[in-house]
Amino acid sequence: MTEAAKRDWTRIIRGVERLMRLRSFPVAFKMLKEEKTLNEIPYLRRLHGKKVTMCQLLNLVRNSDWTVGATKEDFVSETCGSIIGLCDLPPLYKDGTFRSIVWVKTKEEAKRYEASIPRLPLGKYKAVAMAPLVYNPFEPDIVLIYANPAQMMLLINSLQFERYEVMEFFCVGESSCSDAIARCYLTGKPSLTIPCYGERRYGHAQDDELVMALRPEDLERGLRGMEALYRKGIRYPISFAGAQEDLTDAFPPSYGTIHEVERLRGDDNRLILGITGGIASGKSTVSKMLEELGAPSVDFDILARRVVEPGRPAWADIVDYFGRQVLGEDGKIDRKKLSKIVFHDLEKRKRLESFTHPRIHEEFLKEVEKITSKDPNAIIQAVIPLLIEANLQYLFHKVVVVYIPPQEQIRRLMKRDGISRVEAENILKAQIPIDEKLGYADYVIYNDGPIEKTREQVEKLWKSLKALQASRQKN
C-alpha cells in the first residue's frame, strides 16, 4: 500500500481538474481485506469514538482534504457498512421495517427497495480507505467525481470518445452511494447517480451536484477523450450561442463547414490521403516513397511557413496577439520563440491555431485543386505532423500513420536534433502518444526496421489505394 501508485495520478487529476474546473477533490476509494492495512496509508485519520456515515467520510476527503479510513464499527448504521460488504443487514432491515419508517408506503415495498440496492459481497473486506487522489495515496479500486450536470456531460462525452457505448445510469433513491460505489465495483462500468437526501444533509453535497464512480483506467481514458474534445472546441464552461442567431459560425468545423470537405474530396476519382505519425517517425521518408510511386505531396509544414510570411494576415494576427517579441531581426516569425510561449499553455496554443489553421486549410484547398485540374484521378498525400492533434482526420478519404515505438522516437529525436533524453521526452509529451494515434489509422506503416521493409509496406499500400480507386470507379 505504501508503494508508489502505478499511475501518475497528480498529472491525471490536475488535467481533469483543469478541463472540468472541479470544485472538490476527486476521491480515491479502496476496499481493504485487512484492517491493519489502514495503518500503512500515510496521513490517514480515524474518527475514533465517533460514529460516522459514508457521506461524511466522502465529504471530509473531497472538501476538507483528509485521508480517512473506517471499519464496520465506525459506521452509525448498518446501511453504510452493508453497501460495501463490511456487515450484513439486521432482520428489521431485510423485512422492510427500516425503509418503511420514512421512504416508502408499505413494508412490502420497503422489502423490495432493500433487495434492489446493489452491495459488495459480504465478508470479502474488513475496511475502507478514501483520500484525495491527486496526492497518489494508493492505487484506488474506483474514483469518485462530484460535478454539476454540464461538467458530467463533458465527462460522459469524454468517456465515449474511445470505445463508444451508450451509458445507463441508475438511482435507487435514498442510499445513492450504492448506485455509484457498489454498482461500479460490481459492473466495472462508470456509474453516475444523483446524491441522495442523506448525502446532501450529512455529506454536504450541493444542490447542483451529481456523482460518478469509475475505474482508474476509465478516468485515464476519460482524460484522453477530454483533451481530444478540447482540441476540437468542446470544453467547459460551455459558452452560449444565441438562441435567435444564425449559428453557422458557432458549429465545429466538421459540422458547419461540411461543404469544405465536399469541395476537397470533389466529385471525381481523386483520393485524398492524410500522412501523419509522431515526431521523428519517418513521415518524410514514407511520403517520398509514395511520391516516387506517383502520389503528389502537399507538405503542411511548408504551408504553415507560407501563411505566416511577413505582411500576410496570419502574421499580423500573431504579432498583434503575442507582440513583436516573437519576431526575428528580419521581421519573420521566430518559430522557436513562439513555440516556447505556447508549449505549456493550452489556451495560447489554441489561439495561435485559430490564426494559422484556417489559412493553412485554404492554401491546402488551392494546392489540391491545382493538382486535380491536371489529374482528376490523383492520389494526393497531405503530410501533416499534427493531423490528429488538429482534428483534421475527417478531411481525408484515408489516414496513414507512420509508426515507430516511443523509445525509438526518443533515440532518433536525440540524434537528429542533438538534444538530451529529457528534452526529447518533453517534446513527445506535447503530442498525442504515437500508440494512441494508431486508433485513428486506416493504414499503418511500421518504420522501425530496414528501409527495404518500409518500402515493401509502402508499395503494398499503393496497390491497396489503386484498388480502392478502381472499386470506386465501378460503383
Protein backbone atom coordinates (compact mmCIF):
# COMPACT_ATOMS: atom_id res chain seq x y z
CA MET A 1 0.00 0.00 0.00
CA THR A 2 2.91 2.37 0.64
CA GLU A 3 4.37 1.73 -2.79
CA ALA A 4 4.01 4.49 -5.37
CA ALA A 5 0.81 4.30 -7.33
CA LYS A 6 1.12 2.77 -10.75
CA ARG A 7 -0.29 5.82 -12.50
CA ASP A 8 0.85 9.41 -12.25
CA TRP A 9 -2.31 10.50 -10.50
CA THR A 10 -1.10 14.03 -9.85
CA ARG A 11 -0.78 14.64 -13.59
CA ILE A 12 -4.07 12.90 -14.41
CA ILE A 13 -6.12 14.64 -11.71
CA ARG A 14 -4.64 18.08 -12.42
CA GLY A 15 -5.60 17.56 -16.05
CA VAL A 16 -9.17 16.57 -15.15
CA GLU A 17 -9.48 19.47 -12.67
CA ARG A 18 -8.22 21.95 -15.25
CA LEU A 19 -10.56 20.85 -18.03
CA MET A 20 -13.65 20.18 -15.88
CA ARG A 21 -12.97 23.01 -13.40
CA LEU A 22 -13.96 20.87 -10.46
CA ARG A 23 -14.61 22.48 -7.10
CA SER A 24 -13.79 19.43 -4.93
CA PHE A 25 -11.13 16.72 -4.95
CA PRO A 26 -11.71 13.53 -6.93
CA VAL A 27 -11.81 10.73 -4.34
CA ALA A 28 -9.62 7.63 -4.36
CA PHE A 29 -11.73 4.80 -2.93
CA LYS A 30 -10.28 1.44 -1.88
CA MET A 31 -11.65 -1.60 -0.08
CA LEU A 32 -9.18 -3.44 2.18
CA LYS A 33 -9.13 -7.11 3.06
CA GLU A 34 -7.30 -6.45 6.35
CA GLU A 35 -7.98 -3.69 8.87
CA LYS A 36 -4.26 -3.39 9.66
CA THR A 37 -3.64 -2.09 6.13
CA LEU A 38 -5.20 1.20 7.23
CA ASN A 39 -2.07 1.82 9.31
CA GLU A 40 0.10 1.69 6.19
CA ILE A 41 -1.60 4.60 4.45
CA PRO A 42 0.18 7.95 5.02
CA TYR A 43 -1.75 10.69 6.86
CA LEU A 44 -4.85 8.52 7.31
CA ARG A 45 -7.24 9.63 10.07
CA ARG A 46 -9.70 7.50 12.04
CA LEU A 47 -12.59 9.21 13.77
CA HIS A 48 -12.21 7.05 16.89
CA GLY A 49 -15.05 7.44 19.38
CA LYS A 50 -17.35 8.99 16.76
CA LYS A 51 -19.91 7.20 14.66
CA VAL A 52 -19.92 8.36 11.03
CA THR A 53 -21.75 7.87 7.76
CA MET A 54 -20.26 7.14 4.35
CA CYS A 55 -21.50 10.58 3.30
CA GLN A 56 -19.43 12.29 5.99
CA LEU A 57 -16.25 10.45 5.06
CA LEU A 58 -16.62 11.36 1.41
CA ASN A 59 -17.18 14.99 2.35
CA LEU A 60 -14.06 15.06 4.55
CA VAL A 61 -11.99 13.80 1.63
CA ARG A 62 -13.29 15.89 -1.22
CA ASN A 63 -13.87 19.15 0.64
CA SER A 64 -11.57 19.05 3.69
CA ASP A 65 -8.54 17.40 2.05
CA TRP A 66 -8.45 14.49 4.53
CA THR A 67 -7.39 10.89 4.07
CA VAL A 68 -9.77 8.70 6.07
CA GLY A 69 -10.46 5.06 6.89
CA ALA A 70 -13.18 3.08 8.61
CA THR A 71 -14.34 -0.39 9.63
CA LYS A 72 -17.88 -1.61 10.25
CA GLU A 73 -17.68 -0.50 13.89
CA ASP A 74 -17.16 3.13 12.82
CA PHE A 75 -20.46 3.48 10.96
CA VAL A 76 -23.55 4.86 12.64
CA SER A 77 -25.80 2.39 10.82
CA GLU A 78 -25.52 -0.99 9.16
CA THR A 79 -26.87 0.68 6.00
CA CYS A 80 -23.44 2.14 5.20
CA GLY A 81 -21.43 -0.95 6.14
CA SER A 82 -23.69 -3.36 4.26
CA ILE A 83 -23.40 -1.48 0.97
CA ILE A 84 -19.64 -2.03 0.89
CA GLY A 85 -19.85 -5.57 2.28
CA LEU A 86 -18.46 -4.90 5.77
CA CYS A 87 -21.55 -6.23 7.55
CA ASP A 88 -24.92 -7.85 6.94
CA LEU A 89 -28.30 -6.15 7.34
CA PRO A 90 -30.29 -6.90 10.53
CA PRO A 91 -33.66 -8.67 10.12
CA LEU A 92 -35.61 -5.43 10.69
CA TYR A 93 -33.93 -4.02 7.60
CA LYS A 94 -34.38 -7.10 5.42
CA ASP A 95 -38.10 -7.42 6.16
CA GLY A 96 -38.74 -3.82 5.12
CA THR A 97 -39.35 -2.31 8.53
CA PHE A 98 -36.48 0.19 8.38
CA ARG A 99 -37.22 1.66 4.93
CA SER A 100 -40.96 1.81 5.63
CA ILE A 101 -40.38 4.21 8.52
CA VAL A 102 -39.75 7.06 6.08
CA TRP A 103 -39.11 6.21 2.47
CA VAL A 104 -41.93 4.04 1.13
CA LYS A 105 -45.58 3.34 1.79
CA THR A 106 -45.55 -0.29 2.92
CA LYS A 107 -43.16 -2.86 4.37
CA GLU A 108 -43.56 -4.94 1.21
CA GLU A 109 -42.39 -2.07 -0.96
CA ALA A 110 -39.59 -1.39 1.52
CA LYS A 111 -38.50 -5.02 1.35
CA ARG A 112 -38.33 -4.77 -2.44
CA TYR A 113 -36.45 -1.48 -2.09
CA GLU A 114 -33.83 -3.01 0.21
CA ALA A 115 -33.35 -6.01 -2.05
CA SER A 116 -32.78 -3.79 -5.09
CA ILE A 117 -29.81 -1.94 -3.57
CA PRO A 118 -26.50 -3.20 -5.03
CA ARG A 119 -23.98 -4.29 -2.40
CA LEU A 120 -20.45 -5.65 -2.33
CA PRO A 121 -20.06 -9.32 -1.31
CA LEU A 122 -20.40 -9.82 2.43
CA GLY A 123 -17.19 -10.62 4.29
CA LYS A 124 -14.74 -10.00 1.45
CA TYR A 125 -13.43 -6.78 3.00
CA LYS A 126 -12.66 -5.56 6.51
CA ALA A 127 -12.09 -1.83 5.99
CA VAL A 128 -12.38 1.07 3.57
CA ALA A 129 -9.94 3.90 2.76
CA MET A 130 -10.57 7.18 0.94
CA ALA A 131 -8.22 10.01 0.02
CA PRO A 132 -7.77 12.91 -2.41
CA LEU A 133 -6.45 11.07 -5.45
CA VAL A 134 -4.24 13.97 -6.56
CA TYR A 135 -1.69 13.02 -3.87
CA ASN A 136 -1.11 9.50 -5.22
CA PRO A 137 -2.13 7.99 -1.84
CA PHE A 138 -2.65 4.46 -3.18
CA GLU A 139 -3.86 2.84 -6.38
CA PRO A 140 -7.65 3.09 -5.98
CA ASP A 141 -10.24 0.49 -6.85
CA ILE A 142 -12.55 3.23 -8.11
CA VAL A 143 -12.57 7.03 -8.34
CA LEU A 144 -15.47 9.27 -7.31
CA ILE A 145 -16.01 12.61 -9.02
CA TYR A 146 -18.58 15.20 -7.93
CA ALA A 147 -19.64 17.75 -10.53
CA ASN A 148 -22.59 19.65 -11.94
CA PRO A 149 -24.67 18.31 -14.87
CA ALA A 150 -22.77 20.28 -17.54
CA GLN A 151 -19.42 19.02 -16.23
CA MET A 152 -20.77 15.47 -16.09
CA MET A 153 -21.97 15.74 -19.68
CA LEU A 154 -18.42 16.64 -20.69
CA LEU A 155 -17.08 13.65 -18.75
CA ILE A 156 -19.59 11.32 -20.40
CA ASN A 157 -18.68 12.65 -23.86
CA SER A 158 -15.02 12.15 -23.00
CA LEU A 159 -15.55 8.55 -21.89
CA GLN A 160 -17.50 7.84 -25.07
CA PHE A 161 -14.72 9.26 -27.28
CA GLU A 162 -12.91 5.92 -27.18
CA ARG A 163 -14.84 2.63 -27.31
CA TYR A 164 -18.23 4.31 -27.63
CA GLU A 165 -21.17 2.77 -25.84
CA VAL A 166 -24.50 4.02 -24.56
CA MET A 167 -24.28 4.69 -20.84
CA GLU A 168 -27.04 3.57 -18.48
CA PHE A 169 -27.39 5.12 -15.06
CA PHE A 170 -29.47 4.23 -12.01
CA CYS A 171 -30.98 5.77 -8.92
CA VAL A 172 -32.33 3.61 -6.09
CA GLY A 173 -33.35 6.76 -4.23
CA GLU A 174 -32.01 7.02 -0.69
CA SER A 175 -28.62 5.24 -0.21
CA SER A 176 -27.42 6.55 -3.57
CA CYS A 177 -23.82 5.67 -2.66
CA SER A 178 -24.78 2.14 -3.66
CA ASP A 179 -25.54 3.35 -7.19
CA ALA A 180 -22.14 4.98 -7.54
CA ILE A 181 -19.77 2.88 -5.44
CA ALA A 182 -21.26 -0.63 -5.30
CA ARG A 183 -22.60 -0.60 -8.85
CA CYS A 184 -19.26 0.48 -10.27
CA TYR A 185 -17.49 -2.28 -8.32
CA LEU A 186 -19.97 -4.90 -9.49
CA THR A 187 -20.29 -3.91 -13.16
CA GLY A 188 -16.90 -2.36 -13.86
CA LYS A 189 -18.65 0.45 -15.72
CA PRO A 190 -18.84 4.19 -14.99
CA SER A 191 -21.79 4.75 -12.64
CA LEU A 192 -23.48 8.13 -12.45
CA THR A 193 -26.22 8.96 -9.97
CA ILE A 194 -27.93 11.75 -8.06
CA PRO A 195 -26.66 12.18 -4.48
CA CYS A 196 -29.50 11.32 -2.12
CA TYR A 197 -31.08 13.24 0.73
CA GLY A 198 -28.65 11.77 3.24
CA GLU A 199 -25.56 12.73 1.27
CA ARG A 200 -26.84 16.28 0.90
CA ARG A 201 -27.71 16.57 4.60
CA TYR A 202 -24.75 14.72 6.11
CA GLY A 203 -22.23 14.86 3.26
CA HIS A 204 -22.96 18.46 2.24
CA ALA A 205 -23.45 17.60 -1.46
CA GLN A 206 -24.67 20.77 -3.16
CA ASP A 207 -27.98 21.18 -4.98
CA ASP A 208 -26.38 21.04 -8.43
CA GLU A 209 -24.01 18.13 -7.78
CA LEU A 210 -24.05 14.67 -9.33
CA VAL A 211 -21.58 11.90 -8.55
CA MET A 212 -19.86 9.39 -10.83
CA ALA A 213 -17.77 6.39 -9.82
CA LEU A 214 -15.42 4.95 -12.39
CA ARG A 215 -12.46 2.62 -12.61
CA PRO A 216 -8.97 4.14 -12.65
CA GLU A 217 -8.38 3.12 -16.26
CA ASP A 218 -11.66 4.75 -17.28
CA LEU A 219 -10.69 8.05 -15.67
CA GLU A 220 -7.38 7.95 -17.55
CA ARG A 221 -9.28 7.20 -20.77
CA GLY A 222 -11.71 10.00 -19.94
CA LEU A 223 -8.87 12.50 -19.66
CA ARG A 224 -7.56 11.48 -23.07
CA GLY A 225 -11.03 11.98 -24.50
CA MET A 226 -11.42 15.31 -22.73
CA GLU A 227 -8.11 16.57 -24.12
CA ALA A 228 -9.14 15.46 -27.60
CA LEU A 229 -12.51 17.20 -27.28
CA TYR A 230 -10.78 20.36 -26.03
CA ARG A 231 -8.72 20.41 -29.21
CA LYS A 232 -11.98 20.10 -31.15
CA GLY A 233 -13.52 23.06 -29.31
CA ILE A 234 -15.69 21.12 -26.83
CA ARG A 235 -14.91 22.44 -23.37
CA TYR A 236 -16.26 23.62 -20.03
CA PRO A 237 -17.67 26.11 -19.19
CA ILE A 238 -19.89 25.82 -22.23
CA SER A 239 -20.21 29.16 -24.00
CA PHE A 240 -23.70 30.05 -25.11
CA ALA A 241 -24.63 30.64 -28.75
CA GLY A 242 -27.58 33.00 -29.11
CA ALA A 243 -30.93 31.24 -29.37
CA GLN A 244 -32.11 33.69 -32.03
CA GLU A 245 -28.88 33.95 -34.02
CA ASP A 246 -27.51 32.26 -37.15
CA LEU A 247 -25.37 29.50 -35.61
CA THR A 248 -23.33 28.64 -38.70
CA ASP A 249 -20.10 30.03 -37.27
CA ALA A 250 -20.72 28.51 -33.83
CA PHE A 251 -20.71 24.91 -35.06
CA PRO A 252 -17.50 22.83 -35.06
CA PRO A 253 -15.75 22.84 -38.47
CA SER A 254 -16.78 19.23 -39.10
CA TYR A 255 -20.44 20.35 -38.81
CA GLY A 256 -20.52 23.91 -40.08
CA THR A 257 -18.11 23.56 -43.00
CA ILE A 258 -19.05 20.17 -44.38
CA HIS A 259 -19.19 21.85 -47.79
CA GLU A 260 -15.43 22.38 -47.45
CA VAL A 261 -14.97 18.62 -47.09
CA GLU A 262 -17.09 18.10 -50.18
CA ARG A 263 -15.01 20.69 -52.03
CA LEU A 264 -11.79 18.98 -51.01
CA ARG A 265 -12.90 15.48 -51.93
CA GLY A 266 -14.52 16.62 -55.17
CA ASP A 267 -16.83 14.63 -57.43
CA ASP A 268 -14.08 12.99 -59.50
CA ASN A 269 -11.98 9.94 -58.59
CA ARG A 270 -9.27 11.70 -56.59
CA LEU A 271 -8.13 10.10 -53.35
CA ILE A 272 -7.00 12.39 -50.54
CA LEU A 273 -4.58 10.73 -48.14
CA GLY A 274 -3.52 12.11 -44.75
CA ILE A 275 0.03 11.12 -43.75
CA THR A 276 0.90 11.54 -40.08
CA GLY A 277 2.77 9.96 -37.19
CA GLY A 278 4.92 11.03 -34.29
CA ILE A 279 7.93 13.30 -34.42
CA ALA A 280 10.98 11.57 -35.93
CA SER A 281 8.87 8.62 -37.09
CA GLY A 282 9.90 8.97 -40.74
CA LYS A 283 6.88 10.64 -42.34
CA SER A 284 9.06 12.35 -44.93
CA THR A 285 10.67 9.04 -45.89
CA VAL A 286 7.31 7.39 -46.47
CA SER A 287 5.99 10.45 -48.31
CA LYS A 288 8.98 10.46 -50.67
CA MET A 289 8.41 6.77 -51.47
CA LEU A 290 4.75 7.47 -52.25
CA GLU A 291 5.75 10.43 -54.39
CA GLU A 292 8.07 8.17 -56.39
CA LEU A 293 5.11 5.84 -56.99
CA GLY A 294 3.03 8.72 -58.34
CA ALA A 295 1.34 10.43 -55.37
CA PRO A 296 1.84 14.22 -55.42
CA SER A 297 2.55 15.61 -51.96
CA VAL A 298 1.37 18.67 -50.08
CA ASP A 299 3.54 19.37 -47.03
CA PHE A 300 1.68 21.24 -44.30
CA ASP A 301 4.95 22.41 -42.73
CA ILE A 302 5.63 24.34 -45.94
CA LEU A 303 2.09 25.72 -45.95
CA ALA A 304 2.43 26.70 -42.27
CA ARG A 305 5.55 28.73 -43.08
CA ARG A 306 3.91 30.30 -46.11
CA VAL A 307 0.84 31.67 -44.27
CA VAL A 308 2.95 33.45 -41.61
CA GLU A 309 5.25 35.26 -44.01
CA PRO A 310 5.61 38.98 -43.13
CA GLY A 311 2.63 41.04 -44.16
CA ARG A 312 0.21 38.15 -44.52
CA PRO A 313 -2.99 38.10 -42.38
CA ALA A 314 -1.83 35.30 -40.05
CA TRP A 315 1.47 37.12 -39.45
CA ALA A 316 -0.43 40.28 -38.49
CA ASP A 317 -2.76 38.39 -36.11
CA ILE A 318 0.17 36.65 -34.38
CA VAL A 319 2.12 39.86 -33.89
CA ASP A 320 -0.97 41.68 -32.65
CA TYR A 321 -1.71 38.98 -30.04
CA PHE A 322 1.78 37.83 -28.96
CA GLY A 323 3.70 41.06 -29.57
CA ARG A 324 6.83 41.78 -31.56
CA GLN A 325 8.82 39.63 -29.14
CA VAL A 326 8.07 36.66 -31.42
CA LEU A 327 9.79 38.25 -34.42
CA GLY A 328 13.37 37.78 -35.52
CA GLU A 329 15.64 40.59 -36.71
CA ASP A 330 14.43 40.00 -40.27
CA GLY A 331 10.80 40.60 -39.28
CA LYS A 332 9.82 36.96 -39.73
CA ILE A 333 8.10 34.86 -37.06
CA ASP A 334 10.73 33.19 -34.88
CA ARG A 335 9.19 29.73 -34.60
CA LYS A 336 11.37 28.75 -31.63
CA LYS A 337 10.36 31.82 -29.62
CA LEU A 338 6.70 31.28 -30.43
CA SER A 339 6.93 27.59 -29.63
CA LYS A 340 8.33 28.31 -26.15
CA ILE A 341 5.37 30.56 -25.40
CA VAL A 342 2.64 28.11 -26.45
CA PHE A 343 4.39 24.84 -25.50
CA HIS A 344 2.88 24.61 -21.99
CA ASP A 345 -0.09 26.95 -22.48
CA LEU A 346 -3.13 25.21 -23.98
CA GLU A 347 -5.11 28.45 -24.34
CA LYS A 348 -2.33 30.33 -26.17
CA ARG A 349 -1.69 27.34 -28.42
CA LYS A 350 -5.38 27.22 -29.30
CA ARG A 351 -5.30 30.95 -30.08
CA LEU A 352 -2.27 30.51 -32.35
CA GLU A 353 -4.03 27.70 -34.18
CA SER A 354 -7.07 29.94 -34.75
CA PHE A 355 -4.77 32.35 -36.62
CA THR A 356 -2.98 29.76 -38.74
CA HIS A 357 -5.20 26.73 -39.33
CA PRO A 358 -7.93 28.39 -41.44
CA ARG A 359 -5.27 29.97 -43.68
CA ILE A 360 -3.36 26.71 -44.00
CA HIS A 361 -6.60 24.95 -44.88
CA GLU A 362 -7.34 27.44 -47.65
CA GLU A 363 -3.82 27.03 -49.07
CA PHE A 364 -4.30 23.27 -48.99
CA LEU A 365 -7.55 23.52 -50.95
CA LYS A 366 -5.79 25.61 -53.60
CA GLU A 367 -2.97 23.05 -53.90
CA VAL A 368 -5.43 20.16 -54.25
CA GLU A 369 -7.44 22.00 -56.90
CA LYS A 370 -4.23 22.78 -58.81
CA ILE A 371 -3.26 19.07 -58.81
CA THR A 372 -6.70 17.69 -59.69
CA SER A 373 -7.19 20.19 -62.51
CA LYS A 374 -4.37 18.31 -64.24
CA ASP A 375 -5.18 14.80 -62.97
CA PRO A 376 -8.69 14.12 -61.57
CA ASN A 377 -7.55 10.60 -60.62
CA ALA A 378 -4.63 11.76 -58.48
CA ILE A 379 -3.84 10.11 -55.16
CA ILE A 380 -2.82 13.20 -53.19
CA GLN A 381 -0.95 12.89 -49.92
CA ALA A 382 -1.04 15.61 -47.29
CA VAL A 383 1.87 15.30 -44.85
CA ILE A 384 0.66 16.69 -41.52
CA PRO A 385 2.69 16.02 -38.35
CA LEU A 386 -0.16 17.14 -36.06
CA LEU A 387 -3.06 15.83 -38.13
CA ILE A 388 -4.73 14.13 -35.14
CA GLU A 389 -3.93 16.93 -32.68
CA ALA A 390 -5.52 19.45 -35.07
CA ASN A 391 -8.62 17.28 -35.60
CA LEU A 392 -8.15 17.12 -39.38
CA GLN A 393 -8.73 13.40 -39.89
CA TYR A 394 -12.29 13.95 -41.11
CA LEU A 395 -10.95 15.73 -44.22
CA PHE A 396 -9.35 12.67 -45.76
CA HIS A 397 -10.54 9.57 -47.52
CA LYS A 398 -7.87 7.61 -45.66
CA VAL A 399 -5.33 8.27 -42.89
CA VAL A 400 -1.87 6.67 -42.81
CA VAL A 401 0.11 6.61 -39.56
CA VAL A 402 3.88 6.13 -39.83
CA TYR A 403 4.81 4.28 -36.65
CA ILE A 404 7.94 3.67 -34.62
CA PRO A 405 7.97 2.68 -30.92
CA PRO A 406 8.22 5.61 -28.45
CA GLN A 407 11.72 4.64 -27.28
CA GLU A 408 12.92 4.63 -30.89
CA GLN A 409 11.27 8.03 -31.35
CA ILE A 410 13.29 9.39 -28.44
CA ARG A 411 16.53 7.88 -29.75
CA ARG A 412 16.05 9.29 -33.25
CA LEU A 413 14.97 12.69 -31.96
CA MET A 414 18.04 12.94 -29.71
CA LYS A 415 20.30 12.06 -32.61
CA ARG A 416 18.55 14.28 -35.16
CA ASP A 417 18.33 17.44 -33.05
CA GLY A 418 21.33 16.91 -30.76
CA ILE A 419 19.23 17.14 -27.61
CA SER A 420 19.11 15.30 -24.28
CA ARG A 421 16.76 12.45 -23.44
CA VAL A 422 14.77 14.68 -21.07
CA GLU A 423 14.30 17.30 -23.80
CA ALA A 424 13.21 14.64 -26.27
CA GLU A 425 10.73 13.15 -23.78
CA ASN A 426 9.24 16.60 -23.10
CA ILE A 427 8.74 17.19 -26.82
CA LEU A 428 6.93 13.87 -27.13
CA LYS A 429 4.66 14.74 -24.20
CA ALA A 430 3.33 17.74 -26.15
CA GLN A 431 1.92 15.41 -28.82
CA ILE A 432 -0.65 12.66 -28.68
CA PRO A 433 1.27 9.42 -27.92
CA ILE A 434 2.10 7.59 -31.12
CA ASP A 435 0.44 4.40 -29.80
CA GLU A 436 -2.82 6.34 -29.39
CA LYS A 437 -2.57 7.62 -32.96
CA LEU A 438 -2.83 4.06 -34.22
CA GLY A 439 -6.51 4.16 -33.27
CA TYR A 440 -7.09 6.78 -35.97
CA ALA A 441 -5.26 4.93 -38.75
CA ASP A 442 -6.76 3.28 -41.81
CA TYR A 443 -3.25 2.11 -42.72
CA VAL A 444 -0.07 1.79 -40.65
CA ILE A 445 3.50 1.84 -41.97
CA TYR A 446 5.96 0.39 -39.43
CA ASN A 447 9.18 2.29 -39.97
CA ASP A 448 11.45 0.89 -37.24
CA GLY A 449 13.13 -1.75 -39.42
CA PRO A 450 15.34 -1.76 -42.51
CA ILE A 451 14.43 0.75 -45.23
CA GLU A 452 13.63 -2.14 -47.57
CA LYS A 453 10.87 -3.32 -45.21
CA THR A 454 9.38 0.18 -45.15
CA ARG A 455 9.43 0.31 -48.95
CA GLU A 456 7.66 -3.06 -49.17
CA GLN A 457 4.87 -1.74 -46.94
CA VAL A 458 4.57 1.48 -48.96
CA GLU A 459 4.32 -0.46 -52.23
CA LYS A 460 1.65 -2.69 -50.70
CA LEU A 461 -0.21 0.43 -49.53
CA TRP A 462 -0.01 1.90 -53.03
CA LYS A 463 -1.58 -1.21 -54.53
CA SER A 464 -4.36 -1.05 -51.96
CA LEU A 465 -5.06 2.59 -52.79
CA LYS A 466 -5.15 1.93 -56.51
CA ALA A 467 -7.52 -0.99 -55.91
CA LEU A 468 -9.72 1.27 -53.80
CA GLN A 469 -9.86 3.81 -56.61
CA ALA A 470 -10.73 1.09 -59.13
CA SER A 471 -13.58 -0.17 -56.94
CA ARG A 472 -14.96 3.35 -56.62
CA GLN A 473 -14.99 3.76 -60.40
CA LYS A 474 -17.01 0.56 -60.77
CA ASN A 475 -19.55 1.82 -58.27
